[in-house]
Amino acid sequence: MFELTVRDHISSAHQLHGYDGPCKDLHGHTWHIEVVVMGEKLDNIGLVTDFKWLKAKLKEVVMPLDHVCLNDLPAFKDVNPSTENLARHIYHEFAMRCAPLKLKQVQVWESQNASVIYYE
């Protein structure tokens, strides 16, 4: 089994309703996003898939999240746009695009020292 990893980042604003602290107010992050896919078979040139293809698929997922207020997006209408919910959202959106590869996990860093990993 092979694992392939690609990364991207977004800069967005959010606020956490119900949070008792400064994150209840509108603020921003530059989130770093890492996706890990798994595959068993290599193609005729020795690749699981082209990293360029994976990066393009990740870009499709993250571009609508970049330079926006996440609270305003339909995906976060009923849930806070926490890093946890952001990771889950990216997981589901990317999983649909990376077939036939299996998405292992999505890791979202909200700062240099804090991240969330989501997997199913």
Protein backbone atom coordinates (compact mmCIF):
# COMPACT_ATOMS: atom_id res chain seq x y z
CA MET A 1 0.00 0.00 0.00
CA PHE A 2 1.21 3.49 -0.85
CA GLU A 3 0.24 6.75 0.87
CA LEU A 4 0.44 10.03 -1.02
CA THR A 5 0.21 13.41 0.65
CA VAL A 6 -0.50 16.84 -0.81
CA ARG A 7 -0.92 20.17 0.93
CA ASP A 8 -2.55 23.52 0.33
CA HIS A 9 -3.69 26.45 2.44
CA ILE A 10 -6.53 28.93 2.76
CA SER A 11 -6.96 32.22 4.56
CA SER A 12 -10.46 32.74 5.90
CA ALA A 13 -12.42 34.28 8.72
CA HIS A 14 -14.79 32.62 11.16
CA GLN A 15 -16.37 33.01 14.55
CA LEU A 16 -17.43 30.29 16.96
CA HIS A 17 -20.92 30.87 18.30
CA GLY A 18 -21.31 29.74 21.91
CA TYR A 19 -17.57 29.80 22.60
CA ASP A 20 -16.58 31.47 25.86
CA GLY A 21 -13.48 33.33 24.81
CA PRO A 22 -12.02 35.52 22.10
CA CYS A 23 -12.85 33.02 19.31
CA LYS A 24 -16.51 33.99 19.67
CA ASP A 25 -15.56 37.16 17.80
CA LEU A 26 -14.82 37.30 14.09
CA HIS A 27 -11.16 36.47 13.43
CA GLY A 28 -9.05 34.83 10.76
CA HIS A 29 -6.61 31.99 10.23
CA THR A 30 -4.35 30.77 7.52
CA TRP A 31 -5.30 27.11 7.62
CA HIS A 32 -2.83 24.59 6.23
CA ILE A 33 -4.53 21.54 4.80
CA GLU A 34 -3.00 18.15 4.19
CA VAL A 35 -4.75 15.19 2.57
CA VAL A 36 -3.45 11.63 2.56
CA VAL A 37 -4.71 9.12 -0.01
CA MET A 38 -3.94 5.43 -0.31
CA GLY A 39 -3.49 3.21 -3.33
CA GLU A 40 -2.13 -0.26 -4.01
CA LYS A 41 -1.49 -0.32 -7.72
CA LEU A 42 1.03 1.56 -9.79
CA ASP A 43 0.31 2.59 -13.34
CA ASN A 44 2.53 1.67 -16.28
CA ILE A 45 5.05 4.41 -15.39
CA GLY A 46 5.21 3.57 -11.69
CA LEU A 47 2.79 6.10 -10.18
CA VAL A 48 -0.21 5.61 -7.91
CA THR A 49 -1.45 8.86 -9.41
CA ASP A 50 0.04 12.14 -10.51
CA PHE A 51 0.65 14.60 -7.67
CA LYS A 52 -0.46 17.33 -10.08
CA TRP A 53 -3.89 15.67 -10.34
CA LEU A 54 -4.17 15.35 -6.54
CA LYS A 55 -3.20 18.99 -6.03
CA ALA A 56 -5.80 20.09 -8.59
CA LYS A 57 -8.52 18.09 -6.81
CA LEU A 58 -7.56 19.60 -3.47
CA LYS A 59 -7.59 23.08 -5.03
CA GLU A 60 -11.18 22.44 -6.24
CA VAL A 61 -12.17 21.77 -2.63
CA VAL A 62 -10.33 24.59 -0.90
CA MET A 63 -10.82 27.49 -3.34
CA PRO A 64 -14.46 28.11 -2.28
CA LEU A 65 -13.19 28.32 1.33
CA ASP A 66 -10.45 30.86 0.65
CA HIS A 67 -10.82 34.55 1.55
CA VAL A 68 -14.39 34.21 2.79
CA CYS A 69 -16.16 34.20 6.11
CA LEU A 70 -16.76 30.49 6.66
CA ASN A 71 -19.87 31.23 8.75
CA ASP A 72 -21.55 32.54 5.58
CA LEU A 73 -21.16 29.30 3.62
CA PRO A 74 -23.99 26.75 3.31
CA ALA A 75 -21.69 23.99 4.64
CA PHE A 76 -21.55 25.77 7.99
CA LYS A 77 -25.15 26.93 8.19
CA ASP A 78 -26.00 24.46 10.97
CA VAL A 79 -22.55 23.89 12.52
CA ASN A 80 -19.80 26.16 13.78
CA PRO A 81 -16.92 26.46 11.31
CA SER A 82 -14.48 25.05 13.85
CA THR A 83 -11.26 23.49 12.64
CA GLU A 84 -12.86 20.11 13.39
CA ASN A 85 -15.88 20.83 11.20
CA LEU A 86 -13.67 22.33 8.51
CA ALA A 87 -11.57 19.14 8.43
CA ARG A 88 -14.70 16.98 8.16
CA HIS A 89 -16.10 19.16 5.37
CA ILE A 90 -12.85 18.98 3.40
CA TYR A 91 -12.70 15.21 3.96
CA HIS A 92 -16.16 14.64 2.49
CA GLU A 93 -15.62 16.99 -0.44
CA PHE A 94 -12.20 15.57 -1.30
CA ALA A 95 -13.27 11.93 -0.89
CA MET A 96 -15.80 12.41 -3.70
CA ARG A 97 -13.08 13.71 -6.01
CA CYS A 98 -10.18 11.33 -5.40
CA ALA A 99 -11.79 8.02 -6.43
CA PRO A 100 -10.66 5.36 -7.09
CA LEU A 101 -8.06 6.20 -4.44
CA LYS A 102 -9.10 5.91 -0.82
CA LEU A 103 -8.86 9.04 1.29
CA LYS A 104 -7.11 8.11 4.54
CA GLN A 105 -7.28 11.42 6.39
CA VAL A 106 -7.41 15.17 6.28
CA GLN A 107 -5.29 17.26 8.63
CA VAL A 108 -6.06 20.94 9.10
CA TRP A 109 -3.65 23.19 10.95
CA GLU A 110 -5.21 26.36 12.37
CA SER A 111 -1.84 27.53 13.65
CA GLN A 112 1.74 26.34 13.67
CA ASN A 113 1.08 24.48 16.93
CA ALA A 114 -2.51 23.21 16.63
CA SER A 115 -4.18 20.86 14.17
CA VAL A 116 -7.07 18.45 13.72
CA ILE A 117 -7.01 15.13 11.90
CA TYR A 118 -10.30 13.77 10.55
CA TYR A 119 -10.79 10.29 9.08
CA GLU A 120 -13.52 7.69 8.67
